[in-house]
Amino acid sequence: MKITFAESAVRDLENIRDWYAHQGAPDVGRRFVGEIFQQVERLAAHPQSGRIVPEFDQPFLRELIHPPFRIVYKQEPHMVRVVRIWRSERLLRLPPSAG
């Protein structure tokens, strides 16, 4: 299964990396981004492994929890599109183009 990233998810990854760099822990930011990519790569073989996002209760909108982050993705017939990567304590809001 093909995996793509929405522009919003790419920005989220950049923000994660930058935030940790500004906190003086760039290695932590790089490690988190690498771990997130590892989680996402598994979706190619197991696209339904994430839970349905509770805020929306739609079977096509799922998430993986990788503390402290939520990796939110849209499952389509032949593709997984990662739409957001947020801190797990935040409620999800999708950008208009991701839906």
Protein backbone atom coordinates (compact mmCIF):
# COMPACT_ATOMS: atom_id res chain seq x y z
CA MET A 1 0.00 0.00 0.00
CA LYS A 2 1.27 3.46 -0.89
CA ILE A 3 1.90 5.98 1.90
CA THR A 4 1.77 9.75 1.39
CA PHE A 5 2.05 12.75 3.70
CA ALA A 6 -0.23 15.79 3.57
CA GLU A 7 1.52 19.14 3.69
CA SER A 8 0.10 19.61 7.20
CA ALA A 9 1.83 16.40 8.39
CA VAL A 10 5.14 17.47 6.86
CA ARG A 11 4.86 20.80 8.70
CA ASP A 12 4.06 18.94 11.91
CA LEU A 13 7.23 16.87 11.57
CA GLU A 14 9.30 19.97 10.89
CA ASN A 15 7.76 21.68 13.93
CA ILE A 16 8.54 18.69 16.15
CA ARG A 17 12.15 18.67 15.01
CA ASP A 18 12.48 22.45 15.38
CA TRP A 19 10.84 22.58 18.82
CA TYR A 20 13.27 20.05 20.27
CA ALA A 21 16.19 21.84 18.61
CA HIS A 22 15.11 25.12 20.26
CA GLN A 23 14.90 23.31 23.59
CA GLY A 24 18.54 22.30 23.21
CA ALA A 25 17.72 18.64 22.45
CA PRO A 26 18.01 18.23 18.67
CA ASP A 27 18.83 14.53 19.04
CA VAL A 28 15.49 13.95 20.76
CA GLY A 29 13.63 15.67 17.92
CA ARG A 30 15.46 13.64 15.29
CA ARG A 31 14.81 10.45 17.23
CA PHE A 32 11.07 11.17 17.49
CA VAL A 33 10.80 11.96 13.79
CA GLY A 34 12.64 8.73 12.93
CA GLU A 35 10.39 6.71 15.24
CA ILE A 36 7.28 8.30 13.69
CA PHE A 37 8.48 7.29 10.21
CA GLN A 38 9.01 3.72 11.45
CA GLN A 39 5.44 3.62 12.77
CA VAL A 40 4.07 4.99 9.50
CA GLU A 41 6.05 2.49 7.39
CA ARG A 42 4.21 -0.35 9.14
CA LEU A 43 0.92 0.99 7.79
CA ALA A 44 1.88 -0.18 4.29
CA ALA A 45 1.30 -3.77 5.40
CA HIS A 46 -1.24 -3.11 8.18
CA PRO A 47 -3.34 -0.04 7.31
CA GLN A 48 -6.08 -0.87 9.80
CA SER A 49 -3.70 -1.26 12.74
CA GLY A 50 -4.51 2.20 14.06
CA ARG A 51 -7.59 2.93 16.09
CA ILE A 52 -10.48 5.01 14.77
CA VAL A 53 -9.99 8.65 15.81
CA PRO A 54 -12.43 9.13 18.72
CA GLU A 55 -13.24 12.78 17.91
CA PHE A 56 -14.64 11.84 14.49
CA ASP A 57 -15.73 8.18 14.79
CA GLN A 58 -15.17 7.58 11.05
CA PRO A 59 -13.71 4.18 10.03
CA PHE A 60 -11.46 5.73 7.36
CA LEU A 61 -9.79 8.18 9.79
CA ARG A 62 -7.38 6.35 12.09
CA GLU A 63 -4.46 7.07 14.36
CA LEU A 64 -1.40 5.48 15.82
CA ILE A 65 -0.34 6.55 19.27
CA HIS A 66 3.40 7.04 19.66
CA PRO A 67 3.73 8.91 22.96
CA PRO A 68 3.63 11.82 23.17
CA PHE A 69 2.27 11.99 19.60
CA ARG A 70 -0.82 11.02 17.64
CA ILE A 71 -0.13 10.02 14.03
CA VAL A 72 -3.43 10.61 12.25
CA TYR A 73 -4.03 9.09 8.83
CA LYS A 74 -6.75 8.67 6.29
CA GLN A 75 -7.15 5.15 4.94
CA GLU A 76 -8.16 5.01 1.29
CA PRO A 77 -8.59 1.92 -0.91
CA HIS A 78 -4.97 1.77 -2.14
CA MET A 79 -3.28 4.47 -0.09
CA VAL A 80 -2.65 5.72 3.43
CA ARG A 81 -2.37 9.50 3.74
CA VAL A 82 -0.83 10.84 6.96
CA VAL A 83 -2.67 14.08 7.70
CA ARG A 84 -1.48 15.25 11.14
CA ILE A 85 1.07 14.45 13.82
CA TRP A 86 0.05 16.09 17.07
CA ARG A 87 0.84 15.95 20.75
CA SER A 88 -1.45 13.31 22.19
CA GLU A 89 -3.13 15.64 24.68
CA ARG A 90 -4.45 17.94 21.92
CA LEU A 91 -7.85 17.50 20.34
CA LEU A 92 -7.66 16.91 16.63
CA ARG A 93 -8.58 19.52 14.02
CA LEU A 94 -7.99 18.61 10.41
CA PRO A 95 -7.04 21.15 7.77
CA PRO A 96 -9.78 21.65 5.13
CA SER A 97 -7.71 20.00 2.39
CA ALA A 98 -7.06 16.82 4.42
CA GLY A 99 -10.65 15.66 4.66
